[in-house]
PDB file of all heavy atoms in Angstrom:
ATOM      1  N   ALA A   1       0.846  -1.205  -0.010  1.00  0.00           N
ATOM      2  CA  ALA A   1      -0.027   0.012  -0.010  1.00  0.00           C
ATOM      3  C   ALA A   1       0.872   1.253   0.014  1.00  0.00           C
ATOM      4  O   ALA A   1       2.025   1.193   0.545  1.00  0.00           O
ATOM      5  CB  ALA A   1      -0.945   0.038   1.195  1.00  0.00           C
ATOM      6  N   GLY A   2       0.444   2.288  -0.649  1.00  0.00           N
ATOM      7  CA  GLY A   2       1.125   3.595  -0.626  1.00  0.00           C
ATOM      8  C   GLY A   2       2.017   3.770  -1.853  1.00  0.00           C
ATOM      9  O   GLY A   2       1.634   3.408  -2.930  1.00  0.00           O
ATOM     10  N   ASP A   3       3.184   4.226  -1.647  1.00  0.00           N
ATOM     11  CA  ASP A   3       4.127   4.547  -2.741  1.00  0.00           C
ATOM     12  C   ASP A   3       4.982   3.404  -3.121  1.00  0.00           C
ATOM     13  O   ASP A   3       6.221   3.473  -3.154  1.00  0.00           O
ATOM     14  CB  ASP A   3       4.964   5.753  -2.340  1.00  0.00           C
ATOM     15  CG  ASP A   3       4.207   6.995  -2.010  1.00  0.00           C
ATOM     16  OD1 ASP A   3       3.061   7.167  -2.473  1.00  0.00           O
ATOM     17  OD2 ASP A   3       4.685   7.779  -1.140  1.00  0.00           O
ATOM     18  N   LEU A   4       4.307   2.310  -3.447  1.00  0.00           N
ATOM     19  CA  LEU A   4       5.039   1.075  -3.846  1.00  0.00           C
ATOM     20  C   LEU A   4       4.399   0.540  -5.043  1.00  0.00           C
ATOM     21  O   LEU A   4       3.225   0.752  -5.416  1.00  0.00           O
ATOM     22  CB  LEU A   4       4.953  -0.005  -2.709  1.00  0.00           C
ATOM     23  CG  LEU A   4       5.644   0.321  -1.396  1.00  0.00           C
ATOM     24  CD1 LEU A   4       5.363  -0.754  -0.313  1.00  0.00           C
ATOM     25  CD2 LEU A   4       7.104   0.472  -1.611  1.00  0.00           C
ATOM     26  N   PRO A   5       5.122  -0.245  -5.878  1.00  0.00           N
ATOM     27  CA  PRO A   5       4.578  -0.762  -7.153  1.00  0.00           C
ATOM     28  C   PRO A   5       3.387  -1.701  -6.911  1.00  0.00           C
ATOM     29  O   PRO A   5       3.466  -2.602  -6.034  1.00  0.00           O
ATOM     30  CB  PRO A   5       5.733  -1.530  -7.805  1.00  0.00           C
ATOM     31  CG  PRO A   5       6.711  -1.717  -6.632  1.00  0.00           C
ATOM     32  CD  PRO A   5       6.541  -0.626  -5.726  1.00  0.00           C
ATOM     33  N   GLY A   6       2.333  -1.563  -7.709  1.00  0.00           N
ATOM     34  CA  GLY A   6       1.188  -2.419  -7.598  1.00  0.00           C
ATOM     35  C   GLY A   6       0.445  -2.297  -6.285  1.00  0.00           C
ATOM     36  O   GLY A   6      -0.225  -3.243  -5.863  1.00  0.00           O
ATOM     37  N   ALA A   7       0.573  -1.135  -5.618  1.00  0.00           N
ATOM     38  CA  ALA A   7       0.046  -1.001  -4.208  1.00  0.00           C
ATOM     39  C   ALA A   7      -1.416  -0.588  -4.188  1.00  0.00           C
ATOM     40  O   ALA A   7      -1.932   0.065  -5.099  1.00  0.00           O
ATOM     41  CB  ALA A   7       0.873   0.043  -3.498  1.00  0.00           C
ATOM     42  N   VAL A   8      -2.079  -0.957  -3.068  1.00  0.00           N
ATOM     43  CA  VAL A   8      -3.375  -0.436  -2.780  1.00  0.00           C
ATOM     44  C   VAL A   8      -3.319   1.077  -2.593  1.00  0.00           C
ATOM     45  O   VAL A   8      -2.389   1.575  -1.949  1.00  0.00           O
ATOM     46  CB  VAL A   8      -3.962  -1.145  -1.474  1.00  0.00           C
ATOM     47  CG1 VAL A   8      -5.245  -0.468  -1.023  1.00  0.00           C
ATOM     48  CG2 VAL A   8      -4.169  -2.607  -1.675  1.00  0.00           C
ATOM     49  N   GLN A   9      -4.293   1.830  -3.126  1.00  0.00           N
ATOM     50  CA  GLN A   9      -4.374   3.264  -2.969  1.00  0.00           C
ATOM     51  C   GLN A   9      -5.633   3.657  -2.272  1.00  0.00           C
ATOM     52  O   GLN A   9      -6.648   2.915  -2.349  1.00  0.00           O
ATOM     53  CB  GLN A   9      -4.277   3.938  -4.346  1.00  0.00           C
ATOM     54  CG  GLN A   9      -3.006   3.609  -5.161  1.00  0.00           C
ATOM     55  CD  GLN A   9      -1.722   4.110  -4.401  1.00  0.00           C
ATOM     56  OE1 GLN A   9      -1.702   5.165  -3.812  1.00  0.00           O
ATOM     57  NE2 GLN A   9      -0.623   3.333  -4.631  1.00  0.00           N
ATOM     58  N   ALA A  10      -5.638   4.829  -1.687  1.00  0.00           N
ATOM     59  CA  ALA A  10      -6.907   5.345  -1.133  1.00  0.00           C
ATOM     60  C   ALA A  10      -7.937   5.501  -2.183  1.00  0.00           C
ATOM     61  O   ALA A  10      -7.625   5.853  -3.339  1.00  0.00           O
ATOM     62  CB  ALA A  10      -6.598   6.710  -0.444  1.00  0.00           C
ATOM     63  N   LEU A  11      -9.206   5.253  -1.753  1.00  0.00           N
ATOM     64  CA  LEU A  11     -10.291   5.438  -2.752  1.00  0.00           C
ATOM     65  C   LEU A  11     -10.318   6.941  -3.184  1.00  0.00           C
ATOM     66  O   LEU A  11     -10.060   7.766  -2.388  1.00  0.00           O
ATOM     67  CB  LEU A  11     -11.603   5.075  -2.084  1.00  0.00           C
ATOM     68  CG  LEU A  11     -11.816   3.572  -1.699  1.00  0.00           C
ATOM     69  CD1 LEU A  11     -13.171   3.424  -1.062  1.00  0.00           C
ATOM     70  CD2 LEU A  11     -11.595   2.665  -2.905  1.00  0.00           C
ATOM     71  N   PRO A  12     -10.712   7.174  -4.434  1.00  0.00           N
ATOM     72  CA  PRO A  12     -10.700   8.575  -4.870  1.00  0.00           C
ATOM     73  C   PRO A  12     -11.752   9.407  -4.147  1.00  0.00           C
ATOM     74  O   PRO A  12     -11.482  10.585  -3.903  1.00  0.00           O
ATOM     75  CB  PRO A  12     -11.052   8.458  -6.339  1.00  0.00           C
ATOM     76  CG  PRO A  12     -11.588   7.100  -6.524  1.00  0.00           C
ATOM     77  CD  PRO A  12     -10.949   6.233  -5.510  1.00  0.00           C
ATOM     78  N   HIS A  13     -12.877   8.844  -3.751  1.00  0.00           N
ATOM     79  CA  HIS A  13     -13.933   9.580  -3.021  1.00  0.00           C
ATOM     80  C   HIS A  13     -14.589   8.718  -2.083  1.00  0.00           C
ATOM     81  O   HIS A  13     -14.946   7.491  -2.368  1.00  0.00           O
ATOM     82  CB  HIS A  13     -14.961  10.113  -4.060  1.00  0.00           C
ATOM     83  CG  HIS A  13     -14.391  11.040  -5.079  1.00  0.00           C
ATOM     84  ND1 HIS A  13     -13.931  12.312  -4.798  1.00  0.00           N
ATOM     85  CD2 HIS A  13     -14.159  10.847  -6.402  1.00  0.00           C
ATOM     86  CE1 HIS A  13     -13.482  12.887  -5.920  1.00  0.00           C
ATOM     87  NE2 HIS A  13     -13.617  12.006  -6.897  1.00  0.00           N
ATOM     88  N   THR A  14     -14.838   9.183  -0.867  1.00  0.00           N
ATOM     89  CA  THR A  14     -15.600   8.428   0.185  1.00  0.00           C
ATOM     90  C   THR A  14     -16.302   9.523   0.995  1.00  0.00           C
ATOM     91  O   THR A  14     -15.625  10.537   1.406  1.00  0.00           O
ATOM     92  CB  THR A  14     -14.666   7.612   1.076  1.00  0.00           C
ATOM     93  OG1 THR A  14     -14.147   6.551   0.273  1.00  0.00           O
ATOM     94  CG2 THR A  14     -15.495   6.971   2.230  1.00  0.00           C
ATOM     95  N   ASP A  15     -17.543   9.305   1.329  1.00  0.00           N
ATOM     96  CA  ASP A  15     -18.261  10.178   2.246  1.00  0.00           C
ATOM     97  C   ASP A  15     -17.808   9.779   3.660  1.00  0.00           C
ATOM     98  O   ASP A  15     -18.202   8.820   4.219  1.00  0.00           O
ATOM     99  CB  ASP A  15     -19.716   9.952   2.105  1.00  0.00           C
ATOM    100  CG  ASP A  15     -20.546  10.825   3.103  1.00  0.00           C
ATOM    101  OD1 ASP A  15     -19.958  11.684   3.753  1.00  0.00           O
ATOM    102  OD2 ASP A  15     -21.765  10.653   3.181  1.00  0.00           O
ATOM    103  N   SER A  16     -16.852  10.645   4.209  1.00  0.00           N
ATOM    104  CA  SER A  16     -16.275  10.320   5.501  1.00  0.00           C
ATOM    105  C   SER A  16     -17.343  10.324   6.557  1.00  0.00           C
ATOM    106  O   SER A  16     -17.134   9.644   7.595  1.00  0.00           O
ATOM    107  CB  SER A  16     -15.188  11.340   5.842  1.00  0.00           C
ATOM    108  OG  SER A  16     -15.657  12.632   5.859  1.00  0.00           O
ATOM    109  N   THR A  17     -18.428  10.988   6.392  1.00  0.00           N
ATOM    110  CA  THR A  17     -19.454  10.999   7.497  1.00  0.00           C
ATOM    111  C   THR A  17     -20.148   9.653   7.540  1.00  0.00           C
ATOM    112  O   THR A  17     -20.877   9.348   8.504  1.00  0.00           O
ATOM    113  CB  THR A  17     -20.458  12.141   7.242  1.00  0.00           C
ATOM    114  OG1 THR A  17     -21.099  11.899   5.916  1.00  0.00           O
ATOM    115  CG2 THR A  17     -19.811  13.486   7.178  1.00  0.00           C
ATOM    116  N   SER A  18     -20.022   8.801   6.462  1.00  0.00           N
ATOM    117  CA  SER A  18     -20.684   7.517   6.477  1.00  0.00           C
ATOM    118  C   SER A  18     -19.881   6.519   7.312  1.00  0.00           C
ATOM    119  O   SER A  18     -20.396   5.385   7.552  1.00  0.00           O
ATOM    120  CB  SER A  18     -20.839   7.057   5.051  1.00  0.00           C
ATOM    121  OG  SER A  18     -19.627   6.740   4.479  1.00  0.00           O
ATOM    122  N   VAL A  19     -18.636   6.816   7.616  1.00  0.00           N
ATOM    123  CA  VAL A  19     -17.791   5.929   8.403  1.00  0.00           C
ATOM    124  C   VAL A  19     -18.023   6.197   9.900  1.00  0.00           C
ATOM    125  O   VAL A  19     -17.793   7.250  10.311  1.00  0.00           O
ATOM    126  CB  VAL A  19     -16.304   6.086   8.045  1.00  0.00           C
ATOM    127  CG1 VAL A  19     -15.481   5.064   8.876  1.00  0.00           C
ATOM    128  CG2 VAL A  19     -16.078   5.824   6.541  1.00  0.00           C
ATOM    129  N   VAL A  20     -18.484   5.208  10.604  1.00  0.00           N
ATOM    130  CA  VAL A  20     -18.659   5.317  12.051  1.00  0.00           C
ATOM    131  C   VAL A  20     -17.372   4.658  12.714  1.00  0.00           C
ATOM    132  O   VAL A  20     -17.226   3.484  12.679  1.00  0.00           O
ATOM    133  CB  VAL A  20     -19.895   4.598  12.544  1.00  0.00           C
ATOM    134  CG1 VAL A  20     -20.037   4.712  14.044  1.00  0.00           C
ATOM    135  CG2 VAL A  20     -21.167   5.138  11.845  1.00  0.00           C
ATOM    136  N   TRP A  21     -16.524   5.553  13.235  1.00  0.00           N
ATOM    137  CA  TRP A  21     -15.252   5.074  13.780  1.00  0.00           C
ATOM    138  C   TRP A  21     -15.486   4.452  15.161  1.00  0.00           C
ATOM    139  O   TRP A  21     -15.967   5.082  16.046  1.00  0.00           O
ATOM    140  CB  TRP A  21     -14.287   6.235  13.905  1.00  0.00           C
ATOM    141  CG  TRP A  21     -13.883   6.883  12.608  1.00  0.00           C
ATOM    142  CD1 TRP A  21     -14.267   8.123  12.169  1.00  0.00           C
ATOM    143  CD2 TRP A  21     -13.084   6.358  11.558  1.00  0.00           C
ATOM    144  NE1 TRP A  21     -13.742   8.416  10.936  1.00  0.00           N
ATOM    145  CE2 TRP A  21     -13.016   7.327  10.500  1.00  0.00           C
ATOM    146  CE3 TRP A  21     -12.434   5.096  11.350  1.00  0.00           C
ATOM    147  CZ2 TRP A  21     -12.335   7.102   9.357  1.00  0.00           C
ATOM    148  CZ3 TRP A  21     -11.764   4.921  10.167  1.00  0.00           C
ATOM    149  CH2 TRP A  21     -11.646   5.890   9.180  1.00  0.00           C
ATOM    150  N   GLN A  22     -15.060   3.276  15.293  1.00  0.00           N
ATOM    151  CA  GLN A  22     -15.126   2.532  16.594  1.00  0.00           C
ATOM    152  C   GLN A  22     -13.689   2.635  17.190  1.00  0.00           C
ATOM    153  O   GLN A  22     -12.722   2.651  16.520  1.00  0.00           O
ATOM    154  CB  GLN A  22     -15.546   1.009  16.391  1.00  0.00           C
ATOM    155  CG  GLN A  22     -16.888   0.893  15.796  1.00  0.00           C
ATOM    156  CD  GLN A  22     -18.012   1.469  16.707  1.00  0.00           C
ATOM    157  OE1 GLN A  22     -17.905   1.444  17.911  1.00  0.00           O
ATOM    158  NE2 GLN A  22     -19.063   2.038  16.104  1.00  0.00           N
ATOM    159  N   PRO A  23     -13.598   2.556  18.519  1.00  0.00           N
ATOM    160  CA  PRO A  23     -12.296   2.501  19.202  1.00  0.00           C
ATOM    161  C   PRO A  23     -11.492   1.324  18.705  1.00  0.00           C
ATOM    162  O   PRO A  23     -12.080   0.207  18.469  1.00  0.00           O
ATOM    163  CB  PRO A  23     -12.624   2.427  20.683  1.00  0.00           C
ATOM    164  CG  PRO A  23     -13.992   3.077  20.775  1.00  0.00           C
ATOM    165  CD  PRO A  23     -14.691   2.667  19.551  1.00  0.00           C
ATOM    166  N   LEU A  24     -10.170   1.533  18.473  1.00  0.00           N
ATOM    167  CA  LEU A  24      -9.343   0.415  18.086  1.00  0.00           C
ATOM    168  C   LEU A  24      -9.192  -0.596  19.185  1.00  0.00           C
ATOM    169  O   LEU A  24      -9.162  -0.284  20.387  1.00  0.00           O
ATOM    170  CB  LEU A  24      -7.989   0.921  17.682  1.00  0.00           C
ATOM    171  CG  LEU A  24      -7.925   1.771  16.426  1.00  0.00           C
ATOM    172  CD1 LEU A  24      -6.551   2.537  16.298  1.00  0.00           C
ATOM    173  CD2 LEU A  24      -8.047   0.880  15.138  1.00  0.00           C
ATOM    174  N   SER A  25      -9.117  -1.873  18.774  1.00  0.00           N
ATOM    175  CA  SER A  25      -8.805  -2.949  19.785  1.00  0.00           C
ATOM    176  C   SER A  25      -7.317  -3.003  19.930  1.00  0.00           C
ATOM    177  O   SER A  25      -6.588  -3.315  18.967  1.00  0.00           O
ATOM    178  CB  SER A  25      -9.347  -4.288  19.231  1.00  0.00           C
ATOM    179  OG  SER A  25      -8.898  -5.325  20.047  1.00  0.00           O
ATOM    180  N   THR A  26      -6.798  -2.680  21.128  1.00  0.00           N
ATOM    181  CA  THR A  26      -5.387  -2.478  21.266  1.00  0.00           C
ATOM    182  C   THR A  26      -4.635  -3.790  21.555  1.00  0.00           C
ATOM    183  O   THR A  26      -3.384  -3.756  21.679  1.00  0.00           O
ATOM    184  CB  THR A  26      -5.151  -1.491  22.363  1.00  0.00           C
ATOM    185  OG1 THR A  26      -5.675  -2.006  23.613  1.00  0.00           O
ATOM    186  CG2 THR A  26      -5.777  -0.141  22.071  1.00  0.00           C
ATOM    187  N   GLN A  27      -5.311  -4.943  21.746  1.00  0.00           N
ATOM    188  CA  GLN A  27      -4.618  -6.178  22.130  1.00  0.00           C
ATOM    189  C   GLN A  27      -4.154  -6.947  20.957  1.00  0.00           C
ATOM    190  O   GLN A  27      -3.571  -8.041  21.072  1.00  0.00           O
ATOM    191  CB  GLN A  27      -5.562  -6.992  22.975  1.00  0.00           C
ATOM    192  CG  GLN A  27      -5.960  -6.394  24.333  1.00  0.00           C
ATOM    193  CD  GLN A  27      -4.679  -6.048  25.139  1.00  0.00           C
ATOM    194  OE1 GLN A  27      -3.854  -6.878  25.397  1.00  0.00           O
ATOM    195  NE2 GLN A  27      -4.579  -4.767  25.485  1.00  0.00           N
ATOM    196  N   ARG A  28      -4.417  -6.494  19.737  1.00  0.00           N
ATOM    197  CA  ARG A  28      -4.014  -7.221  18.518  1.00  0.00           C
ATOM    198  C   ARG A  28      -2.639  -6.738  18.065  1.00  0.00           C
ATOM    199  O   ARG A  28      -2.295  -5.564  18.142  1.00  0.00           O
ATOM    200  CB  ARG A  28      -5.019  -6.955  17.411  1.00  0.00           C
ATOM    201  CG  ARG A  28      -6.374  -7.466  17.765  1.00  0.00           C
ATOM    202  CD  ARG A  28      -7.390  -7.236  16.570  1.00  0.00           C
ATOM    203  NE  ARG A  28      -6.873  -7.828  15.340  1.00  0.00           N
ATOM    204  CZ  ARG A  28      -7.434  -7.635  14.155  1.00  0.00           C
ATOM    205  NH1 ARG A  28      -8.464  -6.758  14.035  1.00  0.00           N
ATOM    206  NH2 ARG A  28      -6.974  -8.194  13.071  1.00  0.00           N
ATOM    207  N   GLU A  29      -1.891  -7.627  17.466  1.00  0.00           N
ATOM    208  CA  GLU A  29      -0.591  -7.237  16.879  1.00  0.00           C
ATOM    209  C   GLU A  29      -0.916  -6.733  15.483  1.00  0.00           C
ATOM    210  O   GLU A  29      -1.325  -7.494  14.532  1.00  0.00           O
ATOM    211  CB  GLU A  29       0.315  -8.478  16.766  1.00  0.00           C
ATOM    212  CG  GLU A  29       0.875  -8.983  18.094  1.00  0.00           C
ATOM    213  CD  GLU A  29       1.746 -10.181  17.943  1.00  0.00           C
ATOM    214  OE1 GLU A  29       1.652 -10.907  16.941  1.00  0.00           O
ATOM    215  OE2 GLU A  29       2.637 -10.378  18.834  1.00  0.00           O
ATOM    216  N   GLN A  30      -0.771  -5.385  15.314  1.00  0.00           N
ATOM    217  CA  GLN A  30      -1.113  -4.806  14.054  1.00  0.00           C
ATOM    218  C   GLN A  30       0.037  -3.900  13.478  1.00  0.00           C
ATOM    219  O   GLN A  30      -0.140  -3.138  12.574  1.00  0.00           O
ATOM    220  CB  GLN A  30      -2.375  -3.920  14.234  1.00  0.00           C
ATOM    221  CG  GLN A  30      -3.638  -4.728  14.278  1.00  0.00           C
ATOM    222  CD  GLN A  30      -4.907  -3.848  14.187  1.00  0.00           C
ATOM    223  OE1 GLN A  30      -5.430  -3.451  15.238  1.00  0.00           O
ATOM    224  NE2 GLN A  30      -5.270  -3.484  12.982  1.00  0.00           N
ATOM    225  N   LEU A  31       1.243  -4.144  14.007  1.00  0.00           N
ATOM    226  CA  LEU A  31       2.367  -3.450  13.458  1.00  0.00           C
ATOM    227  C   LEU A  31       3.619  -4.358  13.485  1.00  0.00           C
ATOM    228  O   LEU A  31       3.821  -5.090  14.481  1.00  0.00           O
ATOM    229  CB  LEU A  31       2.724  -2.128  14.219  1.00  0.00           C
ATOM    230  CG  LEU A  31       3.822  -1.335  13.511  1.00  0.00           C
ATOM    231  CD1 LEU A  31       3.261  -0.546  12.279  1.00  0.00           C
ATOM    232  CD2 LEU A  31       4.418  -0.325  14.548  1.00  0.00           C
ATOM    233  N   VAL A  32       4.310  -4.361  12.317  1.00  0.00           N
ATOM    234  CA  VAL A  32       5.555  -5.128  12.247  1.00  0.00           C
ATOM    235  C   VAL A  32       6.674  -4.184  11.800  1.00  0.00           C
ATOM    236  O   VAL A  32       6.565  -3.478  10.740  1.00  0.00           O
ATOM    237  CB  VAL A  32       5.495  -6.338  11.253  1.00  0.00           C
ATOM    238  CG1 VAL A  32       6.836  -7.072  11.239  1.00  0.00           C
ATOM    239  CG2 VAL A  32       4.327  -7.234  11.652  1.00  0.00           C
TER     240      VAL A  32
END
């Protein structure tokens, strides 16, 4: 994802108000 070849990119348009942000679950391994 990001500035890499063949990477996932952010959607061109999204209604941000339609996203209901829930608190992150902090007990998961989500970074390497």
